[in-house]
Amino acid sequence: MDSEQVEKKSVRVTIFNQPYTLRASGDPKEVVDLARSVDELMSSIASHAGTTEPGRVAVLACLHLADRLSNVERELKGLREQIEKKSERFSSLLDQVIEGPKE
């Protein structure tokens, strides 16, 4: 089944007091959970920023999420570099074991 044939389900969510009907190809519960997370983030930002202007709150939420994404990407890059170094080290050790002691 290619990506165009994936069955999409309608999921009803509310984010920042606005109802949305979304089309989801995955688990609808995941969409509901993500929407709840975004709603909580926007509500928190609105209370801290002292504004309920949806556009402003949405932009601040996007910036917050972009910062989190950037941090996760940096962490992932570091982990990939560690894995690469370990793989090279293990490969070198394996080569030494296979080649046996040098005479």
PDB file of N, CA and C in Angstrom:
ATOM      1  N   MET A   1       0.860  -1.178   0.000  1.00  0.00           N
ATOM      2  CA  MET A   1       0.000   0.000   0.000  1.00  0.00           C
ATOM      3  C   MET A   1       0.900   1.232   0.000  1.00  0.00           C
ATOM      4  N   ASP A   2       0.796   2.079  -1.010  1.00  0.00           N
ATOM      5  CA  ASP A   2       1.631   3.282  -1.035  1.00  0.00           C
ATOM      6  C   ASP A   2       0.998   4.385  -0.193  1.00  0.00           C
ATOM      7  N   SER A   3       1.746   5.469  -0.015  1.00  0.00           N
ATOM      8  CA  SER A   3       1.307   6.530   0.900  1.00  0.00           C
ATOM      9  C   SER A   3       0.002   7.196   0.473  1.00  0.00           C
ATOM     10  N   GLU A   4      -0.325   7.166  -0.820  1.00  0.00           N
ATOM     11  CA  GLU A   4      -1.563   7.789  -1.277  1.00  0.00           C
ATOM     12  C   GLU A   4      -2.781   6.934  -0.948  1.00  0.00           C
ATOM     13  N   GLN A   5      -2.573   5.645  -0.696  1.00  0.00           N
ATOM     14  CA  GLN A   5      -3.676   4.746  -0.428  1.00  0.00           C
ATOM     15  C   GLN A   5      -3.908   4.520   1.060  1.00  0.00           C
ATOM     16  N   VAL A   6      -3.131   5.139   1.925  1.00  0.00           N
ATOM     17  CA  VAL A   6      -3.296   4.981   3.359  1.00  0.00           C
ATOM     18  C   VAL A   6      -4.627   5.597   3.770  1.00  0.00           C
ATOM     19  N   GLU A   7      -5.406   4.823   4.526  1.00  0.00           N
ATOM     20  CA  GLU A   7      -6.705   5.310   4.969  1.00  0.00           C
ATOM     21  C   GLU A   7      -6.510   6.387   6.029  1.00  0.00           C
ATOM     22  N   LYS A   8      -7.153   7.511   5.818  1.00  0.00           N
ATOM     23  CA  LYS A   8      -7.090   8.601   6.784  1.00  0.00           C
ATOM     24  C   LYS A   8      -8.410   8.694   7.521  1.00  0.00           C
ATOM     25  N   LYS A   9      -8.294   8.930   8.822  1.00  0.00           N
ATOM     26  CA  LYS A   9      -9.488   9.038   9.657  1.00  0.00           C
ATOM     27  C   LYS A   9      -9.637  10.471  10.124  1.00  0.00           C
ATOM     28  N   SER A  10     -10.856  10.912  10.251  1.00  0.00           N
ATOM     29  CA  SER A  10     -11.126  12.246  10.793  1.00  0.00           C
ATOM     30  C   SER A  10     -11.015  12.195  12.304  1.00  0.00           C
ATOM     31  N   VAL A  11     -10.311  13.183  12.844  1.00  0.00           N
ATOM     32  CA  VAL A  11     -10.126  13.276  14.288  1.00  0.00           C
ATOM     33  C   VAL A  11     -10.522  14.675  14.713  1.00  0.00           C
ATOM     34  N   ARG A  12     -11.370  14.758  15.694  1.00  0.00           N
ATOM     35  CA  ARG A  12     -11.854  16.057  16.190  1.00  0.00           C
ATOM     36  C   ARG A  12     -11.060  16.420  17.435  1.00  0.00           C
ATOM     37  N   VAL A  13     -10.435  17.614  17.410  1.00  0.00           N
ATOM     38  CA  VAL A  13      -9.649  18.092  18.549  1.00  0.00           C
ATOM     39  C   VAL A  13      -9.980  19.560  18.808  1.00  0.00           C
ATOM     40  N   THR A  14      -9.603  20.030  19.979  1.00  0.00           N
ATOM     41  CA  THR A  14      -9.738  21.441  20.311  1.00  0.00           C
ATOM     42  C   THR A  14      -8.382  21.942  20.776  1.00  0.00           C
ATOM     43  N   ILE A  15      -7.926  23.002  20.136  1.00  0.00           N
ATOM     44  CA  ILE A  15      -6.647  23.619  20.499  1.00  0.00           C
ATOM     45  C   ILE A  15      -6.897  25.095  20.743  1.00  0.00           C
ATOM     46  N   PHE A  16      -6.577  25.532  21.925  1.00  0.00           N
ATOM     47  CA  PHE A  16      -6.734  26.933  22.327  1.00  0.00           C
ATOM     48  C   PHE A  16      -8.156  27.423  22.051  1.00  0.00           C
ATOM     49  N   ASN A  17      -9.092  26.606  22.509  1.00  0.00           N
ATOM     50  CA  ASN A  17     -10.527  26.888  22.402  1.00  0.00           C
ATOM     51  C   ASN A  17     -11.057  26.927  20.968  1.00  0.00           C
ATOM     52  N   GLN A  18     -10.299  26.401  20.032  1.00  0.00           N
ATOM     53  CA  GLN A  18     -10.747  26.342  18.638  1.00  0.00           C
ATOM     54  C   GLN A  18     -10.897  24.876  18.229  1.00  0.00           C
ATOM     55  N   PRO A  19     -12.068  24.486  17.731  1.00  0.00           N
ATOM     56  CA  PRO A  19     -12.226  23.098  17.284  1.00  0.00           C
ATOM     57  C   PRO A  19     -11.607  22.897  15.891  1.00  0.00           C
ATOM     58  N   TYR A  20     -11.008  21.737  15.707  1.00  0.00           N
ATOM     59  CA  TYR A  20     -10.414  21.373  14.419  1.00  0.00           C
ATOM     60  C   TYR A  20     -10.797  19.938  14.101  1.00  0.00           C
ATOM     61  N   THR A  21     -11.038  19.683  12.833  1.00  0.00           N
ATOM     62  CA  THR A  21     -11.197  18.317  12.356  1.00  0.00           C
ATOM     63  C   THR A  21      -9.975  18.033  11.497  1.00  0.00           C
ATOM     64  N   LEU A  22      -9.183  17.071  11.926  1.00  0.00           N
ATOM     65  CA  LEU A  22      -7.931  16.742  11.246  1.00  0.00           C
ATOM     66  C   LEU A  22      -8.055  15.379  10.585  1.00  0.00           C
ATOM     67  N   ARG A  23      -7.334  15.194   9.503  1.00  0.00           N
ATOM     68  CA  ARG A  23      -7.270  13.902   8.823  1.00  0.00           C
ATOM     69  C   ARG A  23      -5.960  13.250   9.217  1.00  0.00           C
ATOM     70  N   ALA A  24      -6.040  12.081   9.832  1.00  0.00           N
ATOM     71  CA  ALA A  24      -4.847  11.404  10.330  1.00  0.00           C
ATOM     72  C   ALA A  24      -4.719  10.019   9.721  1.00  0.00           C
ATOM     73  N   SER A  25      -3.529   9.694   9.258  1.00  0.00           N
ATOM     74  CA  SER A  25      -3.297   8.363   8.699  1.00  0.00           C
ATOM     75  C   SER A  25      -2.815   7.401   9.772  1.00  0.00           C
ATOM     76  N   GLY A  26      -2.354   7.930  10.895  1.00  0.00           N
ATOM     77  CA  GLY A  26      -1.881   7.076  11.973  1.00  0.00           C
ATOM     78  C   GLY A  26      -2.952   6.836  13.013  1.00  0.00           C
ATOM     79  N   ASP A  27      -2.499   6.556  14.207  1.00  0.00           N
ATOM     80  CA  ASP A  27      -3.387   6.299  15.333  1.00  0.00           C
ATOM     81  C   ASP A  27      -4.077   7.598  15.747  1.00  0.00           C
ATOM     82  N   PRO A  28      -5.397   7.653  15.708  1.00  0.00           N
ATOM     83  CA  PRO A  28      -6.110   8.875  16.099  1.00  0.00           C
ATOM     84  C   PRO A  28      -5.774   9.325  17.526  1.00  0.00           C
ATOM     85  N   LYS A  29      -5.482   8.384  18.412  1.00  0.00           N
ATOM     86  CA  LYS A  29      -5.139   8.725  19.786  1.00  0.00           C
ATOM     87  C   LYS A  29      -3.858   9.567  19.821  1.00  0.00           C
ATOM     88  N   GLU A  30      -2.910   9.263  18.944  1.00  0.00           N
ATOM     89  CA  GLU A  30      -1.678  10.058  18.876  1.00  0.00           C
ATOM     90  C   GLU A  30      -1.991  11.507  18.501  1.00  0.00           C
ATOM     91  N   VAL A  31      -2.888  11.685  17.553  1.00  0.00           N
ATOM     92  CA  VAL A  31      -3.272  13.035  17.126  1.00  0.00           C
ATOM     93  C   VAL A  31      -3.942  13.771  18.277  1.00  0.00           C
ATOM     94  N   VAL A  32      -4.826  13.085  18.986  1.00  0.00           N
ATOM     95  CA  VAL A  32      -5.506  13.685  20.134  1.00  0.00           C
ATOM     96  C   VAL A  32      -4.482  14.072  21.206  1.00  0.00           C
ATOM     97  N   ASP A  33      -3.520  13.185  21.462  1.00  0.00           N
ATOM     98  CA  ASP A  33      -2.486  13.472  22.464  1.00  0.00           C
ATOM     99  C   ASP A  33      -1.615  14.659  22.048  1.00  0.00           C
ATOM    100  N   LEU A  34      -1.246  14.711  20.767  1.00  0.00           N
ATOM    101  CA  LEU A  34      -0.445  15.839  20.279  1.00  0.00           C
ATOM    102  C   LEU A  34      -1.228  17.145  20.381  1.00  0.00           C
ATOM    103  N   ALA A  35      -2.488  17.099  20.005  1.00  0.00           N
ATOM    104  CA  ALA A  35      -3.328  18.299  20.090  1.00  0.00           C
ATOM    105  C   ALA A  35      -3.457  18.760  21.534  1.00  0.00           C
ATOM    106  N   ARG A  36      -3.618  17.813  22.452  1.00  0.00           N
ATOM    107  CA  ARG A  36      -3.717  18.155  23.870  1.00  0.00           C
ATOM    108  C   ARG A  36      -2.411  18.812  24.343  1.00  0.00           C
ATOM    109  N   SER A  37      -1.292  18.288  23.890  1.00  0.00           N
ATOM    110  CA  SER A  37       0.008  18.850  24.255  1.00  0.00           C
ATOM    111  C   SER A  37       0.163  20.276  23.733  1.00  0.00           C
ATOM    112  N   VAL A  38      -0.236  20.502  22.488  1.00  0.00           N
ATOM    113  CA  VAL A  38      -0.169  21.846  21.898  1.00  0.00           C
ATOM    114  C   VAL A  38      -1.121  22.792  22.635  1.00  0.00           C
ATOM    115  N   ASP A  39      -2.310  22.301  22.950  1.00  0.00           N
ATOM    116  CA  ASP A  39      -3.287  23.110  23.678  1.00  0.00           C
ATOM    117  C   ASP A  39      -2.733  23.520  25.044  1.00  0.00           C
ATOM    118  N   GLU A  40      -2.135  22.570  25.756  1.00  0.00           N
ATOM    119  CA  GLU A  40      -1.557  22.870  27.072  1.00  0.00           C
ATOM    120  C   GLU A  40      -0.411  23.878  26.955  1.00  0.00           C
ATOM    121  N   LEU A  41       0.430  23.697  25.930  1.00  0.00           N
ATOM    122  CA  LEU A  41       1.542  24.622  25.715  1.00  0.00           C
ATOM    123  C   LEU A  41       1.026  26.028  25.434  1.00  0.00           C
ATOM    124  N   MET A  42       0.049  26.137  24.549  1.00  0.00           N
ATOM    125  CA  MET A  42      -0.496  27.452  24.201  1.00  0.00           C
ATOM    126  C   MET A  42      -1.174  28.106  25.400  1.00  0.00           C
ATOM    127  N   SER A  43      -1.884  27.324  26.194  1.00  0.00           N
ATOM    128  CA  SER A  43      -2.523  27.868  27.397  1.00  0.00           C
ATOM    129  C   SER A  43      -1.483  28.361  28.390  1.00  0.00           C
ATOM    130  N   SER A  44      -0.420  27.610  28.547  1.00  0.00           N
ATOM    131  CA  SER A  44       0.658  28.009  29.450  1.00  0.00           C
ATOM    132  C   SER A  44       1.329  29.292  28.964  1.00  0.00           C
ATOM    133  N   ILE A  45       1.605  29.357  27.676  1.00  0.00           N
ATOM    134  CA  ILE A  45       2.227  30.555  27.109  1.00  0.00           C
ATOM    135  C   ILE A  45       1.313  31.760  27.277  1.00  0.00           C
ATOM    136  N   ALA A  46       0.030  31.580  27.022  1.00  0.00           N
ATOM    137  CA  ALA A  46      -0.929  32.686  27.150  1.00  0.00           C
ATOM    138  C   ALA A  46      -0.952  33.214  28.573  1.00  0.00           C
ATOM    139  N   SER A  47      -0.933  32.314  29.550  1.00  0.00           N
ATOM    140  CA  SER A  47      -0.981  32.770  30.943  1.00  0.00           C
ATOM    141  C   SER A  47       0.309  33.462  31.355  1.00  0.00           C
ATOM    142  N   HIS A  48       1.448  32.994  30.854  1.00  0.00           N
ATOM    143  CA  HIS A  48       2.730  33.619  31.203  1.00  0.00           C
ATOM    144  C   HIS A  48       2.976  34.913  30.436  1.00  0.00           C
ATOM    145  N   ALA A  49       2.521  34.960  29.189  1.00  0.00           N
ATOM    146  CA  ALA A  49       2.756  36.140  28.350  1.00  0.00           C
ATOM    147  C   ALA A  49       1.705  37.220  28.595  1.00  0.00           C
ATOM    148  N   GLY A  50       0.628  36.849  29.254  1.00  0.00           N
ATOM    149  CA  GLY A  50      -0.418  37.828  29.531  1.00  0.00           C
ATOM    150  C   GLY A  50      -1.221  38.221  28.303  1.00  0.00           C
ATOM    151  N   THR A  51      -1.282  37.328  27.329  1.00  0.00           N
ATOM    152  CA  THR A  51      -2.057  37.607  26.118  1.00  0.00           C
ATOM    153  C   THR A  51      -2.859  36.376  25.737  1.00  0.00           C
ATOM    154  N   THR A  52      -4.023  36.609  25.176  1.00  0.00           N
ATOM    155  CA  THR A  52      -4.819  35.496  24.645  1.00  0.00           C
ATOM    156  C   THR A  52      -5.015  35.642  23.146  1.00  0.00           C
ATOM    157  N   GLU A  53      -4.267  36.557  22.540  1.00  0.00           N
ATOM    158  CA  GLU A  53      -4.343  36.742  21.088  1.00  0.00           C
ATOM    159  C   GLU A  53      -3.830  35.463  20.421  1.00  0.00           C
ATOM    160  N   PRO A  54      -4.715  34.714  19.751  1.00  0.00           N
ATOM    161  CA  PRO A  54      -4.341  33.403  19.215  1.00  0.00           C
ATOM    162  C   PRO A  54      -3.111  33.414  18.303  1.00  0.00           C
ATOM    163  N   GLY A  55      -3.019  34.406  17.413  1.00  0.00           N
ATOM    164  CA  GLY A  55      -1.882  34.454  16.503  1.00  0.00           C
ATOM    165  C   GLY A  55      -0.566  34.613  17.234  1.00  0.00           C
ATOM    166  N   ARG A  56      -0.542  35.498  18.196  1.00  0.00           N
ATOM    167  CA  ARG A  56       0.685  35.740  18.979  1.00  0.00           C
ATOM    168  C   ARG A  56       1.061  34.502  19.795  1.00  0.00           C
ATOM    169  N   VAL A  57       0.060  33.907  20.433  1.00  0.00           N
ATOM    170  CA  VAL A  57       0.308  32.705  21.232  1.00  0.00           C
ATOM    171  C   VAL A  57       0.804  31.565  20.337  1.00  0.00           C
ATOM    172  N   ALA A  58       0.215  31.427  19.156  1.00  0.00           N
ATOM    173  CA  ALA A  58       0.630  30.368  18.227  1.00  0.00           C
ATOM    174  C   ALA A  58       2.078  30.560  17.783  1.00  0.00           C
ATOM    175  N   VAL A  59       2.458  31.806  17.496  1.00  0.00           N
ATOM    176  CA  VAL A  59       3.845  32.076  17.083  1.00  0.00           C
ATOM    177  C   VAL A  59       4.807  31.744  18.219  1.00  0.00           C
ATOM    178  N   LEU A  60       4.466  32.148  19.437  1.00  0.00           N
ATOM    179  CA  LEU A  60       5.324  31.843  20.586  1.00  0.00           C
ATOM    180  C   LEU A  60       5.413  30.333  20.819  1.00  0.00           C
ATOM    181  N   ALA A  61       4.295  29.638  20.630  1.00  0.00           N
ATOM    182  CA  ALA A  61       4.309  28.180  20.772  1.00  0.00           C
ATOM    183  C   ALA A  61       5.194  27.543  19.698  1.00  0.00           C
ATOM    184  N   CYS A  62       5.095  28.051  18.477  1.00  0.00           N
ATOM    185  CA  CYS A  62       5.947  27.535  17.395  1.00  0.00           C
ATOM    186  C   CYS A  62       7.421  27.752  17.698  1.00  0.00           C
ATOM    187  N   LEU A  63       7.750  28.921  18.214  1.00  0.00           N
ATOM    188  CA  LEU A  63       9.146  29.184  18.572  1.00  0.00           C
ATOM    189  C   LEU A  63       9.623  28.243  19.673  1.00  0.00           C
ATOM    190  N   HIS A  64       8.760  28.010  20.648  1.00  0.00           N
ATOM    191  CA  HIS A  64       9.096  27.086  21.728  1.00  0.00           C
ATOM    192  C   HIS A  64       9.339  25.676  21.174  1.00  0.00           C
ATOM    193  N   LEU A  65       8.436  25.218  20.312  1.00  0.00           N
ATOM    194  CA  LEU A  65       8.578  23.890  19.729  1.00  0.00           C
ATOM    195  C   LEU A  65       9.793  23.794  18.810  1.00  0.00           C
ATOM    196  N   ALA A  66      10.084  24.869  18.075  1.00  0.00           N
ATOM    197  CA  ALA A  66      11.266  24.890  17.206  1.00  0.00           C
ATOM    198  C   ALA A  66      12.537  24.794  18.043  1.00  0.00           C
ATOM    199  N   ASP A  67      12.549  25.458  19.192  1.00  0.00           N
ATOM    200  CA  ASP A  67      13.703  25.379  20.099  1.00  0.00           C
ATOM    201  C   ASP A  67      13.870  23.961  20.618  1.00  0.00           C
ATOM    202  N   ARG A  68      12.776  23.332  21.013  1.00  0.00           N
ATOM    203  CA  ARG A  68      12.842  21.944  21.497  1.00  0.00           C
ATOM    204  C   ARG A  68      13.332  21.010  20.399  1.00  0.00           C
ATOM    205  N   LEU A  69      12.833  21.206  19.184  1.00  0.00           N
ATOM    206  CA  LEU A  69      13.259  20.387  18.055  1.00  0.00           C
ATOM    207  C   LEU A  69      14.754  20.562  17.793  1.00  0.00           C
ATOM    208  N   SER A  70      15.210  21.796  17.831  1.00  0.00           N
ATOM    209  CA  SER A  70      16.621  22.081  17.606  1.00  0.00           C
ATOM    210  C   SER A  70      17.490  21.382  18.647  1.00  0.00           C
ATOM    211  N   ASN A  71      17.063  21.415  19.901  1.00  0.00           N
ATOM    212  CA  ASN A  71      17.811  20.743  20.966  1.00  0.00           C
ATOM    213  C   ASN A  71      17.846  19.235  20.748  1.00  0.00           C
ATOM    214  N   VAL A  72      16.730  18.655  20.349  1.00  0.00           N
ATOM    215  CA  VAL A  72      16.669  17.215  20.101  1.00  0.00           C
ATOM    216  C   VAL A  72      17.554  16.849  18.904  1.00  0.00           C
ATOM    217  N   GLU A  73      17.540  17.682  17.860  1.00  0.00           N
ATOM    218  CA  GLU A  73      18.382  17.414  16.695  1.00  0.00           C
ATOM    219  C   GLU A  73      19.862  17.475  17.063  1.00  0.00           C
ATOM    220  N   ARG A  74      20.253  18.438  17.910  1.00  0.00           N
ATOM    221  CA  ARG A  74      21.638  18.524  18.362  1.00  0.00           C
ATOM    222  C   ARG A  74      22.025  17.285  19.169  1.00  0.00           C
ATOM    223  N   GLU A  75      21.124  16.875  20.046  1.00  0.00           N
ATOM    224  CA  GLU A  75      21.370  15.688  20.856  1.00  0.00           C
ATOM    225  C   GLU A  75      21.490  14.447  19.977  1.00  0.00           C
ATOM    226  N   LEU A  76      20.610  14.324  18.998  1.00  0.00           N
ATOM    227  CA  LEU A  76      20.650  13.192  18.071  1.00  0.00           C
ATOM    228  C   LEU A  76      21.956  13.181  17.287  1.00  0.00           C
ATOM    229  N   LYS A  77      22.393  14.346  16.831  1.00  0.00           N
ATOM    230  CA  LYS A  77      23.655  14.435  16.096  1.00  0.00           C
ATOM    231  C   LYS A  77      24.808  13.966  16.974  1.00  0.00           C
ATOM    232  N   GLY A  78      24.816  14.392  18.245  1.00  0.00           N
ATOM    233  CA  GLY A  78      25.859  13.961  19.167  1.00  0.00           C
ATOM    234  C   GLY A  78      25.838  12.462  19.388  1.00  0.00           C
ATOM    235  N   LEU A  79      24.648  11.898  19.518  1.00  0.00           N
ATOM    236  CA  LEU A  79      24.529  10.447  19.704  1.00  0.00           C
ATOM    237  C   LEU A  79      25.007   9.696  18.466  1.00  0.00           C
ATOM    238  N   ARG A  80      24.667  10.221  17.288  1.00  0.00           N
ATOM    239  CA  ARG A  80      25.123   9.578  16.045  1.00  0.00           C
ATOM    240  C   ARG A  80      26.649   9.607  15.957  1.00  0.00           C
ATOM    241  N   GLU A  81      27.243  10.728  16.353  1.00  0.00           N
ATOM    242  CA  GLU A  81      28.704  10.828  16.341  1.00  0.00           C
ATOM    243  C   GLU A  81      29.322   9.835  17.315  1.00  0.00           C
ATOM    244  N   GLN A  82      28.719   9.689  18.492  1.00  0.00           N
ATOM    245  CA  GLN A  82      29.214   8.711  19.472  1.00  0.00           C
ATOM    246  C   GLN A  82      29.100   7.294  18.919  1.00  0.00           C
ATOM    247  N   ILE A  83      27.987   6.997  18.277  1.00  0.00           N
ATOM    248  CA  ILE A  83      27.790   5.664  17.697  1.00  0.00           C
ATOM    249  C   ILE A  83      28.828   5.402  16.614  1.00  0.00           C
ATOM    250  N   GLU A  84      29.068   6.409  15.781  1.00  0.00           N
ATOM    251  CA  GLU A  84      30.067   6.256  14.708  1.00  0.00           C
ATOM    252  C   GLU A  84      31.452   5.978  15.292  1.00  0.00           C
ATOM    253  N   LYS A  85      31.842   6.727  16.320  1.00  0.00           N
ATOM    254  CA  LYS A  85      33.148   6.520  16.957  1.00  0.00           C
ATOM    255  C   LYS A  85      33.242   5.130  17.577  1.00  0.00           C
ATOM    256  N   LYS A  86      32.177   4.719  18.272  1.00  0.00           N
ATOM    257  CA  LYS A  86      32.166   3.388  18.899  1.00  0.00           C
ATOM    258  C   LYS A  86      32.221   2.306  17.826  1.00  0.00           C
ATOM    259  N   SER A  87      31.483   2.493  16.729  1.00  0.00           N
ATOM    260  CA  SER A  87      31.481   1.507  15.647  1.00  0.00           C
ATOM    261  C   SER A  87      32.875   1.364  15.054  1.00  0.00           C
ATOM    262  N   GLU A  88      33.544   2.503  14.845  1.00  0.00           N
ATOM    263  CA  GLU A  88      34.908   2.458  14.317  1.00  0.00           C
ATOM    264  C   GLU A  88      35.841   1.741  15.289  1.00  0.00           C
ATOM    265  N   ARG A  89      35.681   2.024  16.574  1.00  0.00           N
ATOM    266  CA  ARG A  89      36.526   1.385  17.597  1.00  0.00           C
ATOM    267  C   ARG A  89      36.259  -0.110  17.649  1.00  0.00           C
ATOM    268  N   PHE A  90      34.995  -0.514  17.652  1.00  0.00           N
ATOM    269  CA  PHE A  90      34.657  -1.936  17.682  1.00  0.00           C
ATOM    270  C   PHE A  90      35.147  -2.636  16.427  1.00  0.00           C
ATOM    271  N   SER A  91      35.035  -1.976  15.289  1.00  0.00           N
ATOM    272  CA  SER A  91      35.505  -2.546  14.036  1.00  0.00           C
ATOM    273  C   SER A  91      37.017  -2.768  14.098  1.00  0.00           C
ATOM    274  N   SER A  92      37.733  -1.796  14.642  1.00  0.00           N
ATOM    275  CA  SER A  92      39.190  -1.918  14.781  1.00  0.00           C
ATOM    276  C   SER A  92      39.552  -3.067  15.719  1.00  0.00           C
ATOM    277  N   LEU A  93      38.845  -3.160  16.839  1.00  0.00           N
ATOM    278  CA  LEU A  93      39.103  -4.252  17.776  1.00  0.00           C
ATOM    279  C   LEU A  93      38.786  -5.604  17.152  1.00  0.00           C
ATOM    280  N   LEU A  94      37.703  -5.685  16.410  1.00  0.00           N
ATOM    281  CA  LEU A  94      37.327  -6.928  15.739  1.00  0.00           C
ATOM    282  C   LEU A  94      38.382  -7.319  14.707  1.00  0.00           C
ATOM    283  N   ASP A  95      38.874  -6.340  13.954  1.00  0.00           N
ATOM    284  CA  ASP A  95      39.935  -6.617  12.985  1.00  0.00           C
ATOM    285  C   ASP A  95      41.169  -7.179  13.686  1.00  0.00           C
ATOM    286  N   GLN A  96      41.509  -6.609  14.850  1.00  0.00           N
ATOM    287  CA  GLN A  96      42.670  -7.101  15.596  1.00  0.00           C
ATOM    288  C   GLN A  96      42.468  -8.538  16.053  1.00  0.00           C
ATOM    289  N   VAL A  97      41.271  -8.861  16.494  1.00  0.00           N
ATOM    290  CA  VAL A  97      40.981 -10.235  16.956  1.00  0.00           C
ATOM    291  C   VAL A  97      41.038 -11.197  15.778  1.00  0.00           C
ATOM    292  N   ILE A  98      40.481 -10.793  14.646  1.00  0.00           N
ATOM    293  CA  ILE A  98      40.463 -11.668  13.474  1.00  0.00           C
ATOM    294  C   ILE A  98      41.873 -11.896  12.938  1.00  0.00           C
ATOM    295  N   GLU A  99      42.670 -10.832  12.925  1.00  0.00           N
ATOM    296  CA  GLU A  99      44.034 -10.942  12.411  1.00  0.00           C
ATOM    297  C   GLU A  99      44.933 -11.704  13.362  1.00  0.00           C
ATOM    298  N   GLY A 100      44.603 -11.756  14.611  1.00  0.00           N
ATOM    299  CA  GLY A 100      45.411 -12.475  15.596  1.00  0.00           C
ATOM    300  C   GLY A 100      46.604 -11.646  16.019  1.00  0.00           C
ATOM    301  N   PRO A 101      47.390 -12.215  16.934  1.00  0.00           N
ATOM    302  CA  PRO A 101      48.549 -11.468  17.435  1.00  0.00           C
ATOM    303  C   PRO A 101      49.581 -11.244  16.329  1.00  0.00           C
ATOM    304  N   LYS A 102      50.199 -10.080  16.379  1.00  0.00           N
ATOM    305  CA  LYS A 102      51.219  -9.750  15.399  1.00  0.00           C
ATOM    306  C   LYS A 102      52.545 -10.287  15.899  1.00  0.00           C
ATOM    307  N   GLU A 103      53.281 -10.905  14.984  1.00  0.00           N
ATOM    308  CA  GLU A 103      54.561 -11.483  15.367  1.00  0.00           C
ATOM    309  C   GLU A 103      55.707 -10.670  14.904  1.00  0.00           C
TER     310      GLU A 103
END
